[in-house]
Amino acid sequence: MTSPFDGYEVETGLRPAPRAYPFDLDRALSAVVALQARVPGDAFTAQTLGTDRLGNGTVIGPTGLVLTIGYLITEAQDITLTLNDGRRVPAHGLGADPVTGLGLVQALQPLDVPALPLGNSRTLAADSPVIIAGGGGRAHAAAGQVLTRMPFAGYWEYLLDDAIMTEPAHPHWSGAALIGAGGELMGVGSLSLQRQSRGGVTPLNMFVPSELLPPILDDLAKGRPPHPPRPWLGVLAQDLGRQVVVVGLSPRSPAARAELRKGDVILSVAGTPVADLADFYKRLWAHGPAGAVIPLSLQREGDVFDVEIRSADRTALLRKPHFN
């Protein structure tokens, strides 16, 4: 059977040296595991996220609680964790939070590895040293640094107020562990992005801060939604110039039923002009819970018109986890 670690090794010169840290590096890295999830072909997210998902998770509790990024386990039917020694352990997805992007998994057999303590990423600033680690031990870890902290608006109706941007880019960033200088878990890998630099385009990674977990941990661990469902339209949008432009629509979404189109420009929400993607989301979510009617002004090929769309609960379209 092919190892989930193969092909994701970090360049030798970028790997962390044990002597550079005041903690047991190999012990800390043993808490980072590979995560494989299989999703039914008829699941809502199968077309966009795939049916076979491979990433990472970090053991954060003595009973086999594993923190990962939510999109890896959304609608997962089977989850397998692979430890650094090659052992494979079945697991169950407890929940994925669309607000933070975090996901929680429970191992169904003893893992026998130490848990990585949760840190507070607010102590990280630009140039702070970090370790960016995927499952597989030292060969799959990079000694890196924080580039910046900044808001991030995702095209799928997602907003993170204080994302952590790091370099060098890791070849296996999904669910990767961001480990601080003291050996604590500071964040969970979410995306591979790019930035313009003098040398051209430089890849980087985005991490979700670890301190977003404690307020929602109990709900996620018990399979409960940690936040009230936000109004969701199913609009895939981007900032293009100074405009928020529809670049796609989620199938079976309110926006698709309202016949919004690719190329539509979102001018305002309830008469208030939209400044950018983050502003659009904030005004959308301010209209109350899922089900609220959202008045939009749109521009399409030179025509400006108004439309009212009844929002929905995105999670209602998702397969619910079944406990093994």
Protein backbone atom coordinates (compact mmCIF):
# COMPACT_ATOMS: atom_id res chain seq x y z
CA MET A 1 0.00 0.00 0.00
CA THR A 2 1.36 3.43 -0.96
CA SER A 3 2.37 5.61 1.95
CA PRO A 4 0.48 8.93 2.28
CA PHE A 5 3.85 10.54 3.09
CA ASP A 6 5.44 9.76 -0.27
CA GLY A 7 6.08 12.75 -2.50
CA TYR A 8 5.59 15.39 0.19
CA GLU A 9 9.13 15.58 1.55
CA VAL A 10 10.57 19.01 2.35
CA GLU A 11 13.89 19.99 0.78
CA THR A 12 16.75 18.88 3.03
CA GLY A 13 18.09 22.40 3.54
CA LEU A 14 14.75 23.65 4.81
CA ARG A 15 14.20 20.99 7.46
CA PRO A 16 14.39 21.97 11.17
CA ALA A 17 17.49 21.02 13.17
CA PRO A 18 16.71 19.51 16.61
CA ARG A 19 19.46 21.50 18.33
CA ALA A 20 17.76 24.77 17.35
CA TYR A 21 14.74 24.20 19.64
CA PRO A 22 14.27 24.02 23.41
CA PHE A 23 11.88 21.06 23.08
CA ASP A 24 12.09 17.51 21.77
CA LEU A 25 11.52 18.10 18.06
CA ASP A 26 10.88 14.49 17.08
CA ARG A 27 8.44 14.04 19.95
CA ALA A 28 6.51 17.13 18.85
CA LEU A 29 6.46 16.01 15.20
CA SER A 30 5.12 12.59 16.20
CA ALA A 31 1.83 14.33 17.05
CA VAL A 32 1.36 15.34 13.39
CA VAL A 33 -0.29 12.58 11.36
CA ALA A 34 -1.40 12.05 7.77
CA LEU A 35 -5.16 12.08 7.27
CA GLN A 36 -7.02 10.39 4.43
CA ALA A 37 -10.75 10.90 3.97
CA ARG A 38 -13.12 9.22 1.54
CA VAL A 39 -16.32 11.02 0.55
CA PRO A 40 -19.32 9.53 -1.33
CA GLY A 41 -19.54 10.54 -4.96
CA ASP A 42 -23.01 12.04 -4.50
CA ALA A 43 -21.96 14.27 -1.58
CA PHE A 44 -22.54 18.01 -2.00
CA THR A 45 -18.81 18.81 -1.78
CA ALA A 46 -17.61 15.88 -3.90
CA GLN A 47 -17.42 17.87 -7.13
CA THR A 48 -15.51 20.82 -5.65
CA LEU A 49 -13.32 19.13 -3.03
CA GLY A 50 -13.05 15.62 -4.48
CA THR A 51 -13.94 12.24 -3.06
CA ASP A 52 -10.43 11.22 -1.93
CA ARG A 53 -8.83 13.85 0.26
CA LEU A 54 -5.34 13.72 1.70
CA GLY A 55 -3.92 16.07 4.29
CA ASN A 56 -2.75 16.21 7.87
CA GLY A 57 -3.97 16.49 11.44
CA THR A 58 -2.45 17.12 14.84
CA VAL A 59 -3.13 15.10 17.99
CA ILE A 60 -4.28 17.57 20.65
CA GLY A 61 -5.72 15.29 23.33
CA PRO A 62 -4.71 12.12 25.20
CA THR A 63 -7.83 10.27 24.01
CA GLY A 64 -6.99 10.61 20.32
CA LEU A 65 -8.59 13.96 19.50
CA VAL A 66 -7.10 15.28 16.24
CA LEU A 67 -7.36 18.85 14.93
CA THR A 68 -7.38 19.38 11.16
CA ILE A 69 -8.77 21.71 8.52
CA GLY A 70 -12.48 21.28 8.03
CA TYR A 71 -12.67 20.82 4.27
CA LEU A 72 -10.68 17.58 4.50
CA ILE A 73 -13.37 15.84 6.55
CA THR A 74 -16.57 17.53 5.39
CA GLU A 75 -19.05 14.77 4.45
CA ALA A 76 -16.34 12.11 4.94
CA GLN A 77 -17.56 8.52 5.05
CA ASP A 78 -14.23 6.97 6.08
CA ILE A 79 -11.19 8.58 7.71
CA THR A 80 -7.79 6.97 8.27
CA LEU A 81 -4.89 8.42 10.24
CA THR A 82 -1.33 7.32 9.45
CA LEU A 83 1.25 7.82 12.18
CA ASN A 84 4.93 8.47 11.56
CA ASP A 85 5.77 4.83 12.29
CA GLY A 86 3.40 3.72 9.52
CA ARG A 87 0.53 2.55 11.73
CA ARG A 88 -2.92 3.20 10.26
CA VAL A 89 -5.79 3.98 12.60
CA PRO A 90 -9.46 4.46 11.66
CA ALA A 91 -11.07 7.68 12.81
CA HIS A 92 -14.42 9.44 12.85
CA GLY A 93 -15.11 13.04 11.86
CA LEU A 94 -16.74 14.87 14.74
CA GLY A 95 -17.42 18.14 12.99
CA ALA A 96 -16.21 20.89 10.69
CA ASP A 97 -16.88 24.54 11.49
CA PRO A 98 -17.55 26.74 8.42
CA VAL A 99 -16.91 29.93 10.40
CA THR A 100 -13.33 29.21 11.49
CA GLY A 101 -12.57 26.49 8.95
CA LEU A 102 -11.39 24.06 11.63
CA GLY A 103 -12.29 20.38 11.83
CA LEU A 104 -12.10 17.78 14.60
CA VAL A 105 -11.51 14.03 14.32
CA GLN A 106 -11.62 11.24 16.90
CA ALA A 107 -9.25 8.28 16.52
CA LEU A 108 -11.06 4.98 17.06
CA GLN A 109 -8.01 3.16 18.39
CA PRO A 110 -5.22 4.24 20.76
CA LEU A 111 -2.62 6.38 18.99
CA ASP A 112 0.07 6.13 21.68
CA VAL A 113 1.66 9.44 20.69
CA PRO A 114 1.98 12.59 22.80
CA ALA A 115 -0.52 15.38 22.23
CA LEU A 116 0.77 18.74 21.06
CA PRO A 117 -0.30 21.53 23.45
CA LEU A 118 -2.37 24.36 22.01
CA GLY A 119 -0.57 27.69 21.92
CA ASN A 120 -1.73 31.26 21.43
CA SER A 121 -0.74 32.51 18.00
CA ARG A 122 -1.28 36.12 19.08
CA THR A 123 2.34 35.98 20.22
CA LEU A 124 3.42 35.48 16.59
CA ALA A 125 4.32 38.49 14.47
CA ALA A 126 6.17 39.07 11.23
CA ASP A 127 9.52 37.20 11.23
CA SER A 128 8.57 34.98 14.19
CA PRO A 129 10.26 31.56 13.73
CA VAL A 130 7.91 28.62 13.25
CA ILE A 131 7.94 25.00 12.11
CA ILE A 132 5.53 24.05 9.33
CA ALA A 133 4.92 20.31 9.64
CA GLY A 134 3.02 17.66 7.78
CA GLY A 135 2.78 14.04 8.88
CA GLY A 136 5.91 11.96 8.39
CA GLY A 137 8.41 13.42 10.83
CA ARG A 138 11.42 15.65 10.25
CA ALA A 139 11.61 14.95 6.50
CA HIS A 140 8.16 16.50 6.16
CA ALA A 141 8.79 19.61 8.27
CA ALA A 142 10.18 23.01 7.33
CA ALA A 143 11.85 25.63 9.51
CA GLY A 144 10.08 28.82 8.50
CA GLN A 145 8.81 32.18 9.59
CA VAL A 146 5.66 34.25 9.77
CA LEU A 147 5.37 36.72 6.90
CA THR A 148 2.42 38.71 8.19
CA ARG A 149 -0.99 38.63 9.90
CA MET A 150 -3.91 39.86 7.80
CA PRO A 151 -7.62 39.40 7.06
CA PHE A 152 -8.43 36.84 4.39
CA ALA A 153 -11.66 36.66 2.38
CA GLY A 154 -12.24 33.39 0.54
CA TYR A 155 -14.37 33.22 -2.60
CA TRP A 156 -16.67 30.57 -0.99
CA GLU A 157 -18.26 32.99 1.55
CA TYR A 158 -15.49 32.64 4.15
CA LEU A 159 -13.75 35.36 6.12
CA LEU A 160 -10.86 35.03 8.55
CA ASP A 161 -10.07 38.22 10.44
CA ASP A 162 -6.50 37.35 11.37
CA ALA A 163 -4.95 34.76 9.07
CA ILE A 164 -1.30 33.76 9.53
CA MET A 165 0.83 33.84 6.37
CA THR A 166 4.07 31.82 6.43
CA GLU A 167 7.02 30.82 4.29
CA PRO A 168 8.55 28.68 2.91
CA ALA A 169 5.53 27.07 1.30
CA HIS A 170 4.99 23.48 2.43
CA PRO A 171 4.31 20.83 -0.24
CA HIS A 172 1.53 19.32 1.90
CA TRP A 173 -0.14 22.25 3.61
CA SER A 174 -3.71 20.99 4.14
CA GLY A 175 -4.17 20.50 7.86
CA ALA A 176 -0.44 20.96 8.49
CA ALA A 177 0.72 21.99 11.96
CA LEU A 178 2.18 25.43 12.65
CA ILE A 179 4.47 24.90 15.63
CA GLY A 180 5.85 27.81 17.61
CA ALA A 181 9.33 28.25 19.08
CA GLY A 182 8.19 26.67 22.35
CA GLY A 183 6.68 23.57 20.78
CA GLU A 184 3.00 24.58 20.91
CA LEU A 185 0.47 24.27 18.10
CA MET A 186 -0.12 27.78 16.78
CA GLY A 187 -2.24 27.14 13.70
CA VAL A 188 -3.71 24.72 11.17
CA GLY A 189 -2.78 24.80 7.49
CA SER A 190 -5.55 25.93 5.16
CA LEU A 191 -4.31 27.19 1.79
CA SER A 192 -1.41 27.60 -0.61
CA LEU A 193 -1.27 31.19 -1.88
CA GLN A 194 1.11 33.40 -3.84
CA ARG A 195 2.57 36.86 -3.40
CA GLN A 196 4.41 39.15 -5.74
CA SER A 197 8.04 39.80 -4.88
CA ARG A 198 11.04 41.28 -6.64
CA GLY A 199 12.04 37.82 -7.77
CA GLY A 200 8.61 37.11 -9.23
CA VAL A 201 5.82 35.07 -7.69
CA THR A 202 6.58 33.46 -4.31
CA PRO A 203 4.38 30.68 -2.84
CA LEU A 204 3.28 30.86 0.80
CA ASN A 205 0.83 29.17 3.16
CA MET A 206 -2.14 30.44 5.13
CA PHE A 207 -2.87 29.09 8.62
CA VAL A 208 -5.97 29.34 10.81
CA PRO A 209 -4.96 30.53 14.32
CA SER A 210 -5.15 27.88 17.04
CA GLU A 211 -6.84 30.17 19.58
CA LEU A 212 -10.03 29.97 17.52
CA LEU A 213 -10.46 26.36 18.71
CA PRO A 214 -11.02 26.58 22.52
CA PRO A 215 -14.31 28.55 22.32
CA ILE A 216 -15.81 25.94 19.96
CA LEU A 217 -14.00 22.80 21.10
CA ASP A 218 -16.74 21.40 23.31
CA ASP A 219 -19.42 21.83 20.64
CA LEU A 220 -17.27 20.33 17.89
CA ALA A 221 -16.24 17.38 20.07
CA LYS A 222 -19.91 16.62 20.75
CA GLY A 223 -20.94 16.96 17.11
CA ARG A 224 -22.88 20.18 17.68
CA PRO A 225 -22.72 23.25 15.42
CA PRO A 226 -20.53 25.75 17.30
CA HIS A 227 -22.16 28.79 15.66
CA PRO A 228 -25.68 29.66 14.51
CA PRO A 229 -25.93 29.06 10.74
CA ARG A 230 -25.09 32.18 8.76
CA PRO A 231 -27.15 33.26 5.76
CA TRP A 232 -25.58 31.62 2.72
CA LEU A 233 -26.17 32.49 -0.93
CA GLY A 234 -23.82 30.10 -2.68
CA VAL A 235 -22.07 32.92 -4.54
CA LEU A 236 -18.46 32.34 -5.55
CA ALA A 237 -16.99 35.83 -5.82
CA GLN A 238 -13.68 37.65 -6.07
CA ASP A 239 -12.33 41.17 -5.78
CA LEU A 240 -11.54 42.21 -9.35
CA GLY A 241 -10.22 45.74 -9.41
CA ARG A 242 -12.55 47.67 -7.15
CA GLN A 243 -15.53 45.44 -7.82
CA VAL A 244 -16.92 42.27 -6.26
CA VAL A 245 -17.59 39.98 -9.20
CA VAL A 246 -19.43 36.65 -9.30
CA VAL A 247 -17.08 34.01 -10.73
CA GLY A 248 -19.30 30.99 -10.13
CA LEU A 249 -22.28 29.57 -8.26
CA SER A 250 -22.63 26.60 -5.94
CA PRO A 251 -25.07 24.03 -7.33
CA ARG A 252 -28.54 23.99 -5.76
CA SER A 253 -27.74 27.22 -3.94
CA PRO A 254 -30.07 30.22 -3.44
CA ALA A 255 -27.95 32.27 -5.87
CA ALA A 256 -28.24 29.56 -8.51
CA ARG A 257 -32.03 29.40 -8.07
CA ALA A 258 -32.17 33.20 -8.37
CA GLU A 259 -30.32 32.87 -11.68
CA LEU A 260 -27.32 34.98 -10.81
CA ARG A 261 -24.63 34.64 -13.45
CA LYS A 262 -20.90 34.53 -13.75
CA GLY A 263 -19.73 38.09 -14.39
CA ASP A 264 -22.45 39.78 -12.34
CA VAL A 265 -21.07 42.65 -10.26
CA ILE A 266 -22.42 42.93 -6.69
CA LEU A 267 -22.95 46.65 -6.14
CA SER A 268 -24.74 46.80 -2.79
CA VAL A 269 -26.51 44.89 -0.02
CA ALA A 270 -29.78 46.44 1.15
CA GLY A 271 -28.82 49.70 -0.55
CA THR A 272 -25.39 49.99 1.07
CA PRO A 273 -22.52 49.92 -1.45
CA VAL A 274 -20.11 46.99 -1.19
CA ALA A 275 -16.46 48.02 -0.87
CA ASP A 276 -14.81 44.63 -1.26
CA LEU A 277 -15.36 40.91 -0.69
CA ALA A 278 -14.89 41.12 3.09
CA ASP A 279 -17.36 44.01 3.25
CA PHE A 280 -19.88 42.01 1.19
CA TYR A 281 -19.71 39.08 3.61
CA LYS A 282 -20.08 41.27 6.68
CA ARG A 283 -23.16 42.98 5.25
CA LEU A 284 -24.62 39.63 4.16
CA TRP A 285 -24.15 38.04 7.58
CA ALA A 286 -25.50 41.12 9.38
CA HIS A 287 -28.98 40.35 7.99
CA GLY A 288 -29.60 37.71 10.62
CA PRO A 289 -29.64 33.93 10.63
CA ALA A 290 -29.86 31.59 7.66
CA GLY A 291 -33.16 32.04 5.89
CA ALA A 292 -33.05 35.83 5.91
CA VAL A 293 -33.94 37.56 2.65
CA ILE A 294 -30.95 39.40 1.21
CA PRO A 295 -31.61 42.42 -1.07
CA LEU A 296 -28.83 42.85 -3.65
CA SER A 297 -28.16 45.37 -6.38
CA LEU A 298 -26.35 43.84 -9.35
CA GLN A 299 -24.80 45.05 -12.55
CA ARG A 300 -24.95 42.79 -15.59
CA GLU A 301 -23.59 43.87 -18.97
CA GLY A 302 -24.34 47.53 -18.32
CA ASP A 303 -27.74 46.97 -16.74
CA VAL A 304 -28.31 47.60 -13.03
CA PHE A 305 -31.16 45.77 -11.26
CA ASP A 306 -32.29 44.66 -7.81
CA VAL A 307 -32.96 41.13 -6.64
CA GLU A 308 -34.03 39.60 -3.33
CA ILE A 309 -32.62 36.17 -2.46
CA ARG A 310 -33.76 34.03 0.43
CA SER A 311 -30.57 32.74 2.03
CA ALA A 312 -30.09 29.18 3.27
CA ASP A 313 -28.10 27.17 5.80
CA ARG A 314 -25.12 25.79 3.88
CA THR A 315 -24.74 22.84 6.24
CA ALA A 316 -28.28 21.63 5.48
CA LEU A 317 -26.99 20.40 2.11
CA LEU A 318 -24.18 18.36 3.65
CA ARG A 319 -24.17 14.70 4.63
CA LYS A 320 -24.17 14.38 8.39
CA PRO A 321 -21.40 12.29 10.01
CA HIS A 322 -22.35 8.77 11.09
CA PHE A 323 -20.60 7.47 14.18
CA ASN A 324 -18.72 4.22 13.63
